[in-house]
């Protein structure tokens, strides 16, 4: 009778271990697939220009290196660094933590 109880407990433990390994494999597969098929992380910071240096622009208290990023207006017209002026409203677009473009908004009367 003791052998029967021991073998039943062993079977339950083995089933539990198999279930845990199976669950871990499912979670690992989900994580790997979500990383490879996830959309690129796109974000934007919008605010007023607080400072302009030769290589960066300060918006919302942080400096952003805009070297090489296209400067555009809302109509996708290419602008120059001379258009970056303190007090202008800008949108800095990122893709995977790299600046892809800077949109300089026209002055608006409110």
PDB file of N, CA and C in Angstrom:
ATOM      1  N   UNK A   1       0.820  -1.189   0.000  1.00  0.00           N
ATOM      2  CA  UNK A   1       0.000   0.000   0.000  1.00  0.00           C
ATOM      3  C   UNK A   1       0.865   1.255   0.000  1.00  0.00           C
ATOM      4  N   UNK A   2       1.959   1.292   0.692  1.00  0.00           N
ATOM      5  CA  UNK A   2       2.845   2.452   0.714  1.00  0.00           C
ATOM      6  C   UNK A   2       3.458   2.702  -0.658  1.00  0.00           C
ATOM      7  N   UNK A   3       3.747   1.615  -1.395  1.00  0.00           N
ATOM      8  CA  UNK A   3       4.312   1.778  -2.729  1.00  0.00           C
ATOM      9  C   UNK A   3       3.309   2.464  -3.653  1.00  0.00           C
ATOM     10  N   UNK A   4       2.039   2.164  -3.503  1.00  0.00           N
ATOM     11  CA  UNK A   4       1.002   2.775  -4.332  1.00  0.00           C
ATOM     12  C   UNK A   4       0.908   4.269  -4.052  1.00  0.00           C
ATOM     13  N   UNK A   5       0.943   4.664  -2.794  1.00  0.00           N
ATOM     14  CA  UNK A   5       0.856   6.081  -2.426  1.00  0.00           C
ATOM     15  C   UNK A   5       2.080   6.841  -2.945  1.00  0.00           C
ATOM     16  N   UNK A   6       3.254   6.249  -2.808  1.00  0.00           N
ATOM     17  CA  UNK A   6       4.477   6.887  -3.273  1.00  0.00           C
ATOM     18  C   UNK A   6       4.427   7.066  -4.784  1.00  0.00           C
ATOM     19  N   UNK A   7       3.987   6.059  -5.514  1.00  0.00           N
ATOM     20  CA  UNK A   7       3.945   6.157  -6.967  1.00  0.00           C
ATOM     21  C   UNK A   7       2.890   7.164  -7.421  1.00  0.00           C
ATOM     22  N   UNK A   8       1.787   7.306  -6.703  1.00  0.00           N
ATOM     23  CA  UNK A   8       0.776   8.314  -7.047  1.00  0.00           C
ATOM     24  C   UNK A   8       1.327   9.723  -6.825  1.00  0.00           C
ATOM     25  N   UNK A   9       2.019   9.942  -5.710  1.00  0.00           N
ATOM     26  CA  UNK A   9       2.613  11.256  -5.434  1.00  0.00           C
ATOM     27  C   UNK A   9       3.694  11.570  -6.463  1.00  0.00           C
ATOM     28  N   UNK A  10       4.467  10.577  -6.851  1.00  0.00           N
ATOM     29  CA  UNK A  10       5.507  10.788  -7.845  1.00  0.00           C
ATOM     30  C   UNK A  10       4.870  11.177  -9.175  1.00  0.00           C
ATOM     31  N   UNK A  11       3.779  10.557  -9.540  1.00  0.00           N
ATOM     32  CA  UNK A  11       3.077  10.876 -10.778  1.00  0.00           C
ATOM     33  C   UNK A  11       2.525  12.302 -10.762  1.00  0.00           C
ATOM     34  N   UNK A  12       2.016  12.735  -9.622  1.00  0.00           N
ATOM     35  CA  UNK A  12       1.498  14.099  -9.506  1.00  0.00           C
ATOM     36  C   UNK A  12       2.632  15.111  -9.589  1.00  0.00           C
ATOM     37  N   UNK A  13       3.759  14.813  -8.932  1.00  0.00           N
ATOM     38  CA  UNK A  13       4.903  15.716  -8.984  1.00  0.00           C
ATOM     39  C   UNK A  13       5.453  15.809 -10.408  1.00  0.00           C
ATOM     40  N   UNK A  14       5.514  14.665 -11.072  1.00  0.00           N
ATOM     41  CA  UNK A  14       6.024  14.643 -12.436  1.00  0.00           C
ATOM     42  C   UNK A  14       5.088  15.438 -13.358  1.00  0.00           C
ATOM     43  N   UNK A  15       3.797  15.282 -13.171  1.00  0.00           N
ATOM     44  CA  UNK A  15       2.831  16.028 -13.980  1.00  0.00           C
ATOM     45  C   UNK A  15       2.945  17.530 -13.719  1.00  0.00           C
ATOM     46  N   UNK A  16       3.152  17.902 -12.465  1.00  0.00           N
ATOM     47  CA  UNK A  16       3.306  19.313 -12.125  1.00  0.00           C
ATOM     48  C   UNK A  16       4.564  19.891 -12.770  1.00  0.00           C
ATOM     49  N   UNK A  17       5.654  19.159 -12.733  1.00  0.00           N
ATOM     50  CA  UNK A  17       6.905  19.618 -13.348  1.00  0.00           C
ATOM     51  C   UNK A  17       6.731  19.763 -14.855  1.00  0.00           C
ATOM     52  N   UNK A  18       6.090  18.806 -15.483  1.00  0.00           N
ATOM     53  CA  UNK A  18       5.849  18.874 -16.928  1.00  0.00           C
ATOM     54  C   UNK A  18       4.978  20.077 -17.262  1.00  0.00           C
ATOM     55  N   UNK A  19       3.950  20.330 -16.442  1.00  0.00           N
ATOM     56  CA  UNK A  19       3.076  21.483 -16.673  1.00  0.00           C
ATOM     57  C   UNK A  19       3.843  22.795 -16.541  1.00  0.00           C
ATOM     58  N   UNK A  20       4.693  22.905 -15.521  1.00  0.00           N
ATOM     59  CA  UNK A  20       5.477  24.128 -15.319  1.00  0.00           C
ATOM     60  C   UNK A  20       6.435  24.349 -16.481  1.00  0.00           C
ATOM     61  N   UNK A  21       7.095  23.300 -16.952  1.00  0.00           N
ATOM     62  CA  UNK A  21       8.005  23.418 -18.092  1.00  0.00           C
ATOM     63  C   UNK A  21       7.220  23.821 -19.344  1.00  0.00           C
ATOM     64  N   UNK A  22       6.063  23.232 -19.545  1.00  0.00           N
ATOM     65  CA  UNK A  22       5.213  23.569 -20.689  1.00  0.00           C
ATOM     66  C   UNK A  22       4.786  25.040 -20.628  1.00  0.00           C
ATOM     67  N   UNK A  23       4.362  25.487 -19.455  1.00  0.00           N
ATOM     68  CA  UNK A  23       3.945  26.873 -19.277  1.00  0.00           C
ATOM     69  C   UNK A  23       5.115  27.824 -19.529  1.00  0.00           C
ATOM     70  N   UNK A  24       6.299  27.479 -19.049  1.00  0.00           N
ATOM     71  CA  UNK A  24       7.490  28.298 -19.292  1.00  0.00           C
ATOM     72  C   UNK A  24       7.792  28.383 -20.791  1.00  0.00           C
ATOM     73  N   UNK A  25       7.675  27.270 -21.498  1.00  0.00           N
ATOM     74  CA  UNK A  25       7.928  27.265 -22.945  1.00  0.00           C
ATOM     75  C   UNK A  25       6.927  28.150 -23.684  1.00  0.00           C
ATOM     76  N   UNK A  26       5.677  28.093 -23.286  1.00  0.00           N
ATOM     77  CA  UNK A  26       4.648  28.942 -23.906  1.00  0.00           C
ATOM     78  C   UNK A  26       4.970  30.423 -23.671  1.00  0.00           C
ATOM     79  N   UNK A  27       5.318  30.770 -22.440  1.00  0.00           N
ATOM     80  CA  UNK A  27       5.634  32.164 -22.130  1.00  0.00           C
ATOM     81  C   UNK A  27       6.887  32.631 -22.875  1.00  0.00           C
ATOM     82  N   UNK A  28       7.905  31.791 -22.952  1.00  0.00           N
ATOM     83  CA  UNK A  28       9.127  32.141 -23.666  1.00  0.00           C
ATOM     84  C   UNK A  28       8.836  32.354 -25.153  1.00  0.00           C
ATOM     85  N   UNK A  29       8.026  31.488 -25.735  1.00  0.00           N
ATOM     86  CA  UNK A  29       7.657  31.619 -27.143  1.00  0.00           C
ATOM     87  C   UNK A  29       6.889  32.915 -27.383  1.00  0.00           C
ATOM     88  N   UNK A  30       5.942  33.213 -26.504  1.00  0.00           N
ATOM     89  CA  UNK A  30       5.175  34.453 -26.628  1.00  0.00           C
ATOM     90  C   UNK A  30       6.092  35.663 -26.550  1.00  0.00           C
ATOM     91  N   UNK A  31       7.032  35.668 -25.615  1.00  0.00           N
ATOM     92  CA  UNK A  31       7.959  36.785 -25.470  1.00  0.00           C
ATOM     93  C   UNK A  31       8.813  36.957 -26.718  1.00  0.00           C
ATOM     94  N   UNK A  32       9.356  35.876 -27.240  1.00  0.00           N
ATOM     95  CA  UNK A  32      10.213  35.939 -28.432  1.00  0.00           C
ATOM     96  C   UNK A  32       9.431  36.449 -29.632  1.00  0.00           C
ATOM     97  N   UNK A  33       8.211  35.940 -29.817  1.00  0.00           N
ATOM     98  CA  UNK A  33       7.392  36.378 -30.948  1.00  0.00           C
ATOM     99  C   UNK A  33       6.972  37.839 -30.802  1.00  0.00           C
ATOM    100  N   UNK A  34       6.665  38.259 -29.598  1.00  0.00           N
ATOM    101  CA  UNK A  34       6.247  39.648 -29.409  1.00  0.00           C
ATOM    102  C   UNK A  34       7.401  40.601 -29.688  1.00  0.00           C
ATOM    103  N   UNK A  35       8.627  40.187 -29.423  1.00  0.00           N
ATOM    104  CA  UNK A  35       9.778  41.037 -29.701  1.00  0.00           C
ATOM    105  C   UNK A  35      10.056  41.126 -31.201  1.00  0.00           C
ATOM    106  N   UNK A  36       9.884  40.037 -31.906  1.00  0.00           N
ATOM    107  CA  UNK A  36      10.224  40.042 -33.325  1.00  0.00           C
ATOM    108  C   UNK A  36       9.123  40.628 -34.199  1.00  0.00           C
ATOM    109  N   UNK A  37       7.860  40.551 -33.774  1.00  0.00           N
ATOM    110  CA  UNK A  37       6.766  41.058 -34.592  1.00  0.00           C
ATOM    111  C   UNK A  37       6.174  42.357 -34.067  1.00  0.00           C
ATOM    112  N   UNK A  38       6.751  42.909 -33.016  1.00  0.00           N
ATOM    113  CA  UNK A  38       6.210  44.141 -32.445  1.00  0.00           C
ATOM    114  C   UNK A  38       6.474  45.310 -33.386  1.00  0.00           C
ATOM    115  N   UNK A  39       5.550  46.237 -33.392  1.00  0.00           N
ATOM    116  CA  UNK A  39       5.733  47.439 -34.209  1.00  0.00           C
ATOM    117  C   UNK A  39       6.881  48.253 -33.640  1.00  0.00           C
ATOM    118  N   UNK A  40       7.532  48.994 -34.517  1.00  0.00           N
ATOM    119  CA  UNK A  40       8.600  49.864 -34.051  1.00  0.00           C
ATOM    120  C   UNK A  40       8.026  50.849 -33.045  1.00  0.00           C
ATOM    121  N   UNK A  41       8.814  51.162 -32.060  1.00  0.00           N
ATOM    122  CA  UNK A  41       8.356  52.082 -31.034  1.00  0.00           C
ATOM    123  C   UNK A  41       8.520  53.513 -31.536  1.00  0.00           C
ATOM    124  N   UNK A  42       7.385  54.138 -31.771  1.00  0.00           N
ATOM    125  CA  UNK A  42       7.368  55.509 -32.266  1.00  0.00           C
ATOM    126  C   UNK A  42       6.815  56.387 -31.151  1.00  0.00           C
ATOM    127  N   UNK A  43       7.505  57.500 -30.904  1.00  0.00           N
ATOM    128  CA  UNK A  43       6.988  58.448 -29.920  1.00  0.00           C
ATOM    129  C   UNK A  43       7.327  59.851 -30.370  1.00  0.00           C
ATOM    130  N   UNK A  44       6.741  60.823 -29.671  1.00  0.00           N
ATOM    131  CA  UNK A  44       6.951  62.209 -30.037  1.00  0.00           C
ATOM    132  C   UNK A  44       6.997  63.063 -28.778  1.00  0.00           C
ATOM    133  N   UNK A  45       7.862  64.061 -28.809  1.00  0.00           N
ATOM    134  CA  UNK A  45       7.914  65.052 -27.740  1.00  0.00           C
ATOM    135  C   UNK A  45       7.525  66.371 -28.393  1.00  0.00           C
ATOM    136  N   UNK A  46       6.602  67.074 -27.776  1.00  0.00           N
ATOM    137  CA  UNK A  46       6.157  68.341 -28.336  1.00  0.00           C
ATOM    138  C   UNK A  46       6.275  69.414 -27.266  1.00  0.00           C
ATOM    139  N   UNK A  47       6.729  70.578 -27.660  1.00  0.00           N
ATOM    140  CA  UNK A  47       6.857  71.673 -26.712  1.00  0.00           C
ATOM    141  C   UNK A  47       7.489  72.878 -27.368  1.00  0.00           C
ATOM    142  N   UNK A  48       7.805  73.856 -26.540  1.00  0.00           N
ATOM    143  CA  UNK A  48       8.424  75.080 -27.020  1.00  0.00           C
ATOM    144  C   UNK A  48       9.939  74.961 -26.934  1.00  0.00           C
ATOM    145  N   UNK A  49      10.616  75.539 -27.910  1.00  0.00           N
ATOM    146  CA  UNK A  49      12.077  75.550 -27.897  1.00  0.00           C
ATOM    147  C   UNK A  49      12.528  76.480 -26.777  1.00  0.00           C
ATOM    148  N   UNK A  50      13.352  75.940 -25.883  1.00  0.00           N
ATOM    149  CA  UNK A  50      13.861  76.719 -24.757  1.00  0.00           C
ATOM    150  C   UNK A  50      15.281  77.215 -25.012  1.00  0.00           C
ATOM    151  N   UNK A  51      16.036  76.489 -25.835  1.00  0.00           N
ATOM    152  CA  UNK A  51      17.410  76.874 -26.139  1.00  0.00           C
ATOM    153  C   UNK A  51      17.828  76.175 -27.432  1.00  0.00           C
ATOM    154  N   UNK A  52      18.721  76.792 -28.164  1.00  0.00           N
ATOM    155  CA  UNK A  52      19.245  76.214 -29.396  1.00  0.00           C
ATOM    156  C   UNK A  52      20.770  76.288 -29.333  1.00  0.00           C
ATOM    157  N   UNK A  53      21.422  75.157 -29.532  1.00  0.00           N
ATOM    158  CA  UNK A  53      22.881  75.097 -29.609  1.00  0.00           C
ATOM    159  C   UNK A  53      23.238  74.621 -31.018  1.00  0.00           C
ATOM    160  N   UNK A  54      24.519  74.624 -31.371  1.00  0.00           N
ATOM    161  CA  UNK A  54      24.867  74.175 -32.730  1.00  0.00           C
ATOM    162  C   UNK A  54      24.386  72.759 -33.083  1.00  0.00           C
ATOM    163  N   UNK A  55      24.290  71.863 -32.102  1.00  0.00           N
ATOM    164  CA  UNK A  55      23.913  70.484 -32.406  1.00  0.00           C
ATOM    165  C   UNK A  55      22.613  70.024 -31.757  1.00  0.00           C
ATOM    166  N   UNK A  56      22.057  70.810 -30.860  1.00  0.00           N
ATOM    167  CA  UNK A  56      20.888  70.313 -30.134  1.00  0.00           C
ATOM    168  C   UNK A  56      19.877  71.419 -29.883  1.00  0.00           C
ATOM    169  N   UNK A  57      18.715  70.982 -29.467  1.00  0.00           N
ATOM    170  CA  UNK A  57      17.620  71.881 -29.127  1.00  0.00           C
ATOM    171  C   UNK A  57      17.059  71.441 -27.789  1.00  0.00           C
ATOM    172  N   UNK A  58      16.780  72.401 -26.934  1.00  0.00           N
ATOM    173  CA  UNK A  58      16.214  72.098 -25.623  1.00  0.00           C
ATOM    174  C   UNK A  58      14.701  72.269 -25.671  1.00  0.00           C
ATOM    175  N   UNK A  59      13.999  71.179 -25.349  1.00  0.00           N
ATOM    176  CA  UNK A  59      12.533  71.175 -25.314  1.00  0.00           C
ATOM    177  C   UNK A  59      12.118  70.467 -24.033  1.00  0.00           C
ATOM    178  N   UNK A  60      11.218  71.096 -23.288  1.00  0.00           N
ATOM    179  CA  UNK A  60      10.714  70.531 -22.036  1.00  0.00           C
ATOM    180  C   UNK A  60      11.840  70.155 -21.073  1.00  0.00           C
ATOM    181  N   UNK A  61      12.840  70.987 -21.007  1.00  0.00           N
ATOM    182  CA  UNK A  61      13.904  70.792 -20.030  1.00  0.00           C
ATOM    183  C   UNK A  61      14.997  69.817 -20.414  1.00  0.00           C
ATOM    184  N   UNK A  62      14.933  69.235 -21.601  1.00  0.00           N
ATOM    185  CA  UNK A  62      15.955  68.262 -22.026  1.00  0.00           C
ATOM    186  C   UNK A  62      16.510  68.671 -23.389  1.00  0.00           C
ATOM    187  N   UNK A  63      17.802  68.423 -23.548  1.00  0.00           N
ATOM    188  CA  UNK A  63      18.445  68.706 -24.834  1.00  0.00           C
ATOM    189  C   UNK A  63      18.344  67.480 -25.738  1.00  0.00           C
ATOM    190  N   UNK A  64      18.041  67.707 -27.005  1.00  0.00           N
ATOM    191  CA  UNK A  64      17.934  66.636 -27.995  1.00  0.00           C
ATOM    192  C   UNK A  64      18.899  66.926 -29.133  1.00  0.00           C
ATOM    193  N   UNK A  65      19.757  65.954 -29.421  1.00  0.00           N
ATOM    194  CA  UNK A  65      20.721  66.093 -30.518  1.00  0.00           C
ATOM    195  C   UNK A  65      19.975  65.892 -31.831  1.00  0.00           C
ATOM    196  N   UNK A  66      19.844  66.958 -32.591  1.00  0.00           N
ATOM    197  CA  UNK A  66      19.068  66.897 -33.829  1.00  0.00           C
ATOM    198  C   UNK A  66      19.964  66.857 -35.061  1.00  0.00           C
ATOM    199  N   UNK A  67      21.245  66.578 -34.854  1.00  0.00           N
ATOM    200  CA  UNK A  67      22.179  66.499 -35.973  1.00  0.00           C
ATOM    201  C   UNK A  67      21.718  65.428 -36.957  1.00  0.00           C
ATOM    202  N   UNK A  68      21.562  65.795 -38.193  1.00  0.00           N
ATOM    203  CA  UNK A  68      21.176  64.836 -39.226  1.00  0.00           C
ATOM    204  C   UNK A  68      19.683  64.614 -39.362  1.00  0.00           C
ATOM    205  N   UNK A  69      18.893  65.092 -38.416  1.00  0.00           N
ATOM    206  CA  UNK A  69      17.440  64.916 -38.509  1.00  0.00           C
ATOM    207  C   UNK A  69      16.861  65.999 -39.408  1.00  0.00           C
ATOM    208  N   UNK A  70      15.954  65.637 -40.309  1.00  0.00           N
ATOM    209  CA  UNK A  70      15.346  66.659 -41.172  1.00  0.00           C
ATOM    210  C   UNK A  70      14.476  67.618 -40.365  1.00  0.00           C
ATOM    211  N   UNK A  71      14.582  68.894 -40.690  1.00  0.00           N
ATOM    212  CA  UNK A  71      13.748  69.921 -40.079  1.00  0.00           C
ATOM    213  C   UNK A  71      12.644  70.252 -41.074  1.00  0.00           C
ATOM    214  N   UNK A  72      11.400  70.085 -40.643  1.00  0.00           N
ATOM    215  CA  UNK A  72      10.252  70.233 -41.546  1.00  0.00           C
ATOM    216  C   UNK A  72       9.214  71.159 -40.943  1.00  0.00           C
ATOM    217  N   UNK A  73       8.357  71.717 -41.800  1.00  0.00           N
ATOM    218  CA  UNK A  73       7.177  72.398 -41.282  1.00  0.00           C
ATOM    219  C   UNK A  73       6.010  71.409 -41.359  1.00  0.00           C
ATOM    220  N   UNK A  74       4.824  71.866 -40.999  1.00  0.00           N
ATOM    221  CA  UNK A  74       3.663  70.964 -40.962  1.00  0.00           C
ATOM    222  C   UNK A  74       3.277  70.443 -42.340  1.00  0.00           C
ATOM    223  N   UNK A  75       3.736  71.116 -43.410  1.00  0.00           N
ATOM    224  CA  UNK A  75       3.444  70.686 -44.780  1.00  0.00           C
ATOM    225  C   UNK A  75       4.588  69.873 -45.390  1.00  0.00           C
ATOM    226  N   UNK A  76       5.520  69.436 -44.571  1.00  0.00           N
ATOM    227  CA  UNK A  76       6.690  68.651 -44.998  1.00  0.00           C
ATOM    228  C   UNK A  76       7.676  69.448 -45.845  1.00  0.00           C
ATOM    229  N   UNK A  77       7.603  70.751 -45.774  1.00  0.00           N
ATOM    230  CA  UNK A  77       8.592  71.583 -46.462  1.00  0.00           C
ATOM    231  C   UNK A  77       9.869  71.572 -45.619  1.00  0.00           C
ATOM    232  N   UNK A  78      11.014  71.377 -46.277  1.00  0.00           N
ATOM    233  CA  UNK A  78      12.285  71.321 -45.564  1.00  0.00           C
ATOM    234  C   UNK A  78      12.668  72.728 -45.115  1.00  0.00           C
ATOM    235  N   UNK A  79      13.026  72.830 -43.829  1.00  0.00           N
ATOM    236  CA  UNK A  79      13.443  74.095 -43.248  1.00  0.00           C
ATOM    237  C   UNK A  79      14.924  74.039 -42.891  1.00  0.00           C
ATOM    238  N   UNK A  80      15.467  75.172 -42.467  1.00  0.00           N
ATOM    239  CA  UNK A  80      16.882  75.227 -42.095  1.00  0.00           C
ATOM    240  C   UNK A  80      17.010  75.428 -40.586  1.00  0.00           C
ATOM    241  N   UNK A  81      18.236  75.334 -40.105  1.00  0.00           N
ATOM    242  CA  UNK A  81      18.489  75.531 -38.673  1.00  0.00           C
ATOM    243  C   UNK A  81      18.146  76.951 -38.235  1.00  0.00           C
ATOM    244  N   UNK A  82      18.156  77.884 -39.178  1.00  0.00           N
ATOM    245  CA  UNK A  82      17.791  79.271 -38.839  1.00  0.00           C
ATOM    246  C   UNK A  82      16.332  79.382 -38.400  1.00  0.00           C
ATOM    247  N   UNK A  83      15.520  78.400 -38.761  1.00  0.00           N
ATOM    248  CA  UNK A  83      14.107  78.404 -38.366  1.00  0.00           C
ATOM    249  C   UNK A  83      13.902  77.926 -36.933  1.00  0.00           C
ATOM    250  N   UNK A  84      14.940  77.375 -36.319  1.00  0.00           N
ATOM    251  CA  UNK A  84      14.858  76.953 -34.914  1.00  0.00           C
ATOM    252  C   UNK A  84      15.091  78.181 -34.044  1.00  0.00           C
ATOM    253  N   UNK A  85      14.024  78.681 -33.459  1.00  0.00           N
ATOM    254  CA  UNK A  85      14.115  79.884 -32.632  1.00  0.00           C
ATOM    255  C   UNK A  85      13.445  79.623 -31.289  1.00  0.00           C
ATOM    256  N   UNK A  86      14.026  80.216 -30.261  1.00  0.00           N
ATOM    257  CA  UNK A  86      13.456  80.075 -28.919  1.00  0.00           C
ATOM    258  C   UNK A  86      12.012  80.569 -28.943  1.00  0.00           C
ATOM    259  N   UNK A  87      11.127  79.785 -28.345  1.00  0.00           N
ATOM    260  CA  UNK A  87       9.706  80.122 -28.286  1.00  0.00           C
ATOM    261  C   UNK A  87       8.864  79.461 -29.359  1.00  0.00           C
ATOM    262  N   UNK A  88       9.505  78.928 -30.412  1.00  0.00           N
ATOM    263  CA  UNK A  88       8.756  78.221 -31.464  1.00  0.00           C
ATOM    264  C   UNK A  88       8.295  76.872 -30.930  1.00  0.00           C
ATOM    265  N   UNK A  89       7.138  76.432 -31.385  1.00  0.00           N
ATOM    266  CA  UNK A  89       6.616  75.120 -31.012  1.00  0.00           C
ATOM    267  C   UNK A  89       7.176  74.070 -31.974  1.00  0.00           C
ATOM    268  N   UNK A  90       7.690  72.973 -31.408  1.00  0.00           N
ATOM    269  CA  UNK A  90       8.255  71.902 -32.231  1.00  0.00           C
ATOM    270  C   UNK A  90       7.721  70.549 -31.780  1.00  0.00           C
ATOM    271  N   UNK A  91       7.778  69.616 -32.698  1.00  0.00           N
ATOM    272  CA  UNK A  91       7.498  68.219 -32.410  1.00  0.00           C
ATOM    273  C   UNK A  91       8.727  67.419 -32.822  1.00  0.00           C
ATOM    274  N   UNK A  92       9.295  66.670 -31.888  1.00  0.00           N
ATOM    275  CA  UNK A  92      10.472  65.847 -32.182  1.00  0.00           C
ATOM    276  C   UNK A  92       9.994  64.402 -32.227  1.00  0.00           C
ATOM    277  N   UNK A  93      10.162  63.767 -33.382  1.00  0.00           N
ATOM    278  CA  UNK A  93       9.681  62.405 -33.586  1.00  0.00           C
ATOM    279  C   UNK A  93      10.822  61.406 -33.439  1.00  0.00           C
ATOM    280  N   UNK A  94      10.544  60.326 -32.724  1.00  0.00           N
ATOM    281  CA  UNK A  94      11.514  59.271 -32.472  1.00  0.00           C
ATOM    282  C   UNK A  94      11.002  57.949 -33.023  1.00  0.00           C
ATOM    283  N   UNK A  95      11.907  57.117 -33.453  1.00  0.00           N
ATOM    284  CA  UNK A  95      11.598  55.741 -33.818  1.00  0.00           C
ATOM    285  C   UNK A  95      12.727  54.892 -33.257  1.00  0.00           C
ATOM    286  N   UNK A  96      12.377  53.977 -32.366  1.00  0.00           N
ATOM    287  CA  UNK A  96      13.374  53.148 -31.681  1.00  0.00           C
ATOM    288  C   UNK A  96      14.457  54.009 -31.033  1.00  0.00           C
ATOM    289  N   UNK A  97      14.026  55.049 -30.339  1.00  0.00           N
ATOM    290  CA  UNK A  97      14.902  55.956 -29.581  1.00  0.00           C
ATOM    291  C   UNK A  97      15.868  56.771 -30.444  1.00  0.00           C
ATOM    292  N   UNK A  98      15.609  56.893 -31.724  1.00  0.00           N
ATOM    293  CA  UNK A  98      16.420  57.743 -32.608  1.00  0.00           C
ATOM    294  C   UNK A  98      15.519  58.815 -33.191  1.00  0.00           C
ATOM    295  N   UNK A  99      16.024  60.031 -33.253  1.00  0.00           N
ATOM    296  CA  UNK A  99      15.235  61.137 -33.802  1.00  0.00           C
ATOM    297  C   UNK A  99      15.125  60.973 -35.311  1.00  0.00           C
ATOM    298  N   UNK A 100      13.896  60.949 -35.794  1.00  0.00           N
ATOM    299  CA  UNK A 100      13.670  60.770 -37.228  1.00  0.00           C
ATOM    300  C   UNK A 100      13.338  62.083 -37.924  1.00  0.00           C
ATOM    301  N   UNK A 101      12.719  63.015 -37.199  1.00  0.00           N
ATOM    302  CA  UNK A 101      12.412  64.313 -37.792  1.00  0.00           C
ATOM    303  C   UNK A 101      12.037  65.308 -36.699  1.00  0.00           C
ATOM    304  N   UNK A 102      12.150  66.577 -37.064  1.00  0.00           N
ATOM    305  CA  UNK A 102      11.745  67.665 -36.180  1.00  0.00           C
ATOM    306  C   UNK A 102      10.788  68.535 -36.984  1.00  0.00           C
ATOM    307  N   UNK A 103       9.591  68.692 -36.473  1.00  0.00           N
ATOM    308  CA  UNK A 103       8.580  69.533 -37.127  1.00  0.00           C
ATOM    309  C   UNK A 103       8.508  70.850 -36.379  1.00  0.00           C
ATOM    310  N   UNK A 104       8.752  71.922 -37.115  1.00  0.00           N
ATOM    311  CA  UNK A 104       8.690  73.266 -36.551  1.00  0.00           C
ATOM    312  C   UNK A 104       7.345  73.866 -36.954  1.00  0.00           C
ATOM    313  N   UNK A 105       6.528  74.167 -35.974  1.00  0.00           N
ATOM    314  CA  UNK A 105       5.181  74.679 -36.245  1.00  0.00           C
ATOM    315  C   UNK A 105       5.219  76.188 -36.489  1.00  0.00           C
ATOM    316  N   UNK A 106       4.296  76.635 -37.335  1.00  0.00           N
ATOM    317  CA  UNK A 106       4.159  78.052 -37.596  1.00  0.00           C
ATOM    318  C   UNK A 106       3.621  78.738 -36.338  1.00  0.00           C
ATOM    319  N   UNK A 107       3.959  80.032 -36.202  1.00  0.00           N
ATOM    320  CA  UNK A 107       3.409  80.796 -35.094  1.00  0.00           C
ATOM    321  C   UNK A 107       1.906  80.919 -35.272  1.00  0.00           C
ATOM    322  N   UNK A 108       1.177  80.692 -34.195  1.00  0.00           N
ATOM    323  CA  UNK A 108      -0.284  80.751 -34.270  1.00  0.00           C
ATOM    324  C   UNK A 108      -0.792  81.795 -33.286  1.00  0.00           C
ATOM    325  N   UNK A 109      -1.745  82.563 -33.719  1.00  0.00           N
ATOM    326  CA  UNK A 109      -2.369  83.547 -32.831  1.00  0.00           C
ATOM    327  C   UNK A 109      -3.542  82.857 -32.159  1.00  0.00           C
ATOM    328  N   UNK A 110      -3.549  82.949 -30.852  1.00  0.00           N
ATOM    329  CA  UNK A 110      -4.632  82.290 -30.112  1.00  0.00           C
ATOM    330  C   UNK A 110      -5.590  83.302 -29.548  1.00  0.00           C
TER     331      UNK A 110
END
